[in-house]
């Protein structure tokens, strides 16, 4: 029973130490400015729209090609 209590205290102590170390590391992070964050967000949205449009066009083209091929075979 004593070893169980020691293990529990050790887990609590390790968790506290871990959270303390995480907090100290987060203080060292150089966070982006509001302008940088806005610019990166716009870039991500533009990239998502561009990739989505590319996939949509590719899907439409391949769909027409496969329809044409299956009509010839059937």
C-alpha atoms as a PDB file:
ATOM      1  CA  UNK A   1       0.000   0.000   0.000  1.00  0.00           C
ATOM      2  CA  UNK A   2       2.860   2.365   0.752  1.00  0.00           C
ATOM      3  CA  UNK A   3       4.376   1.822  -2.679  1.00  0.00           C
ATOM      4  CA  UNK A   4       1.018   2.660  -4.281  1.00  0.00           C
ATOM      5  CA  UNK A   5       0.928   6.001  -2.463  1.00  0.00           C
ATOM      6  CA  UNK A   6       4.522   6.737  -3.478  1.00  0.00           C
ATOM      7  CA  UNK A   7       3.706   5.975  -7.115  1.00  0.00           C
ATOM      8  CA  UNK A   8       0.666   8.276  -6.985  1.00  0.00           C
ATOM      9  CA  UNK A   9       2.695  11.113  -5.472  1.00  0.00           C
ATOM     10  CA  UNK A  10       5.377  10.531  -8.088  1.00  0.00           C
ATOM     11  CA  UNK A  11       2.805  10.751 -10.918  1.00  0.00           C
ATOM     12  CA  UNK A  12       1.371  13.981  -9.507  1.00  0.00           C
ATOM     13  CA  UNK A  13       4.848  15.427  -9.034  1.00  0.00           C
ATOM     14  CA  UNK A  14       5.908  14.451 -12.557  1.00  0.00           C
ATOM     15  CA  UNK A  15       2.727  15.948 -14.032  1.00  0.00           C
ATOM     16  CA  UNK A  16       3.316  19.228 -12.204  1.00  0.00           C
ATOM     17  CA  UNK A  17       6.931  19.337 -13.361  1.00  0.00           C
ATOM     18  CA  UNK A  18       5.895  18.560 -16.940  1.00  0.00           C
ATOM     19  CA  UNK A  19       3.312  21.364 -16.989  1.00  0.00           C
ATOM     20  CA  UNK A  20       5.833  23.767 -15.487  1.00  0.00           C
ATOM     21  CA  UNK A  21       8.365  22.910 -18.210  1.00  0.00           C
ATOM     22  CA  UNK A  22       5.730  23.272 -20.926  1.00  0.00           C
ATOM     23  CA  UNK A  23       4.784  26.718 -19.616  1.00  0.00           C
ATOM     24  CA  UNK A  24       8.420  27.841 -19.543  1.00  0.00           C
ATOM     25  CA  UNK A  25       8.912  26.629 -23.138  1.00  0.00           C
ATOM     26  CA  UNK A  26       5.779  28.455 -24.272  1.00  0.00           C
ATOM     27  CA  UNK A  27       7.222  31.675 -22.848  1.00  0.00           C
ATOM     28  CA  UNK A  28      10.222  31.250 -25.182  1.00  0.00           C
ATOM     29  CA  UNK A  29       8.097  30.955 -28.331  1.00  0.00           C
ATOM     30  CA  UNK A  30       8.165  33.909 -30.698  1.00  0.00           C
ATOM     31  CA  UNK A  31       4.484  34.278 -31.542  1.00  0.00           C
ATOM     32  CA  UNK A  32       3.518  35.899 -34.873  1.00  0.00           C
ATOM     33  CA  UNK A  33       2.231  39.448 -34.912  1.00  0.00           C
ATOM     34  CA  UNK A  34      -1.378  40.161 -35.819  1.00  0.00           C
ATOM     35  CA  UNK A  35      -0.316  41.232 -39.325  1.00  0.00           C
ATOM     36  CA  UNK A  36       1.710  38.047 -39.877  1.00  0.00           C
ATOM     37  CA  UNK A  37      -1.141  35.915 -38.597  1.00  0.00           C
ATOM     38  CA  UNK A  38      -3.566  37.646 -40.969  1.00  0.00           C
ATOM     39  CA  UNK A  39      -1.196  37.204 -43.935  1.00  0.00           C
ATOM     40  CA  UNK A  40      -0.633  33.503 -43.187  1.00  0.00           C
ATOM     41  CA  UNK A  41      -4.370  32.924 -42.776  1.00  0.00           C
ATOM     42  CA  UNK A  42      -5.085  34.546 -46.141  1.00  0.00           C
ATOM     43  CA  UNK A  43      -2.362  32.432 -47.778  1.00  0.00           C
ATOM     44  CA  UNK A  44      -3.849  29.236 -46.351  1.00  0.00           C
ATOM     45  CA  UNK A  45      -7.368  30.142 -47.493  1.00  0.00           C
ATOM     46  CA  UNK A  46      -6.132  31.021 -51.002  1.00  0.00           C
ATOM     47  CA  UNK A  47      -4.199  27.737 -51.192  1.00  0.00           C
ATOM     48  CA  UNK A  48      -7.259  25.751 -50.085  1.00  0.00           C
ATOM     49  CA  UNK A  49      -9.455  27.447 -52.691  1.00  0.00           C
ATOM     50  CA  UNK A  50      -6.838  26.892 -55.419  1.00  0.00           C
ATOM     51  CA  UNK A  51      -6.387  23.211 -54.603  1.00  0.00           C
ATOM     52  CA  UNK A  52     -10.153  22.753 -54.335  1.00  0.00           C
ATOM     53  CA  UNK A  53     -10.672  24.370 -57.747  1.00  0.00           C
ATOM     54  CA  UNK A  54      -7.916  22.223 -59.265  1.00  0.00           C
ATOM     55  CA  UNK A  55      -9.426  19.041 -57.858  1.00  0.00           C
ATOM     56  CA  UNK A  56     -12.901  20.094 -58.997  1.00  0.00           C
ATOM     57  CA  UNK A  57     -11.766  20.758 -62.566  1.00  0.00           C
ATOM     58  CA  UNK A  58      -9.740  17.553 -62.654  1.00  0.00           C
ATOM     59  CA  UNK A  59     -12.750  15.602 -61.367  1.00  0.00           C
ATOM     60  CA  UNK A  60     -15.025  17.121 -64.013  1.00  0.00           C
ATOM     61  CA  UNK A  61     -12.565  16.366 -66.829  1.00  0.00           C
ATOM     62  CA  UNK A  62     -11.935  12.798 -65.701  1.00  0.00           C
ATOM     63  CA  UNK A  63     -15.652  12.246 -65.202  1.00  0.00           C
ATOM     64  CA  UNK A  64     -16.383  13.304 -68.782  1.00  0.00           C
ATOM     65  CA  UNK A  65     -13.584  11.115 -70.085  1.00  0.00           C
ATOM     66  CA  UNK A  66     -14.830   8.083 -68.163  1.00  0.00           C
ATOM     67  CA  UNK A  67     -18.429   8.723 -69.309  1.00  0.00           C
ATOM     68  CA  UNK A  68     -17.225   8.882 -72.916  1.00  0.00           C
ATOM     69  CA  UNK A  69     -15.174   5.682 -72.558  1.00  0.00           C
ATOM     70  CA  UNK A  70     -18.024   3.723 -70.964  1.00  0.00           C
ATOM     71  CA  UNK A  71     -20.515   4.902 -73.580  1.00  0.00           C
ATOM     72  CA  UNK A  72     -18.237   3.616 -76.330  1.00  0.00           C
ATOM     73  CA  UNK A  73     -17.893   0.252 -74.636  1.00  0.00           C
ATOM     74  CA  UNK A  74     -21.582  -0.216 -73.809  1.00  0.00           C
END
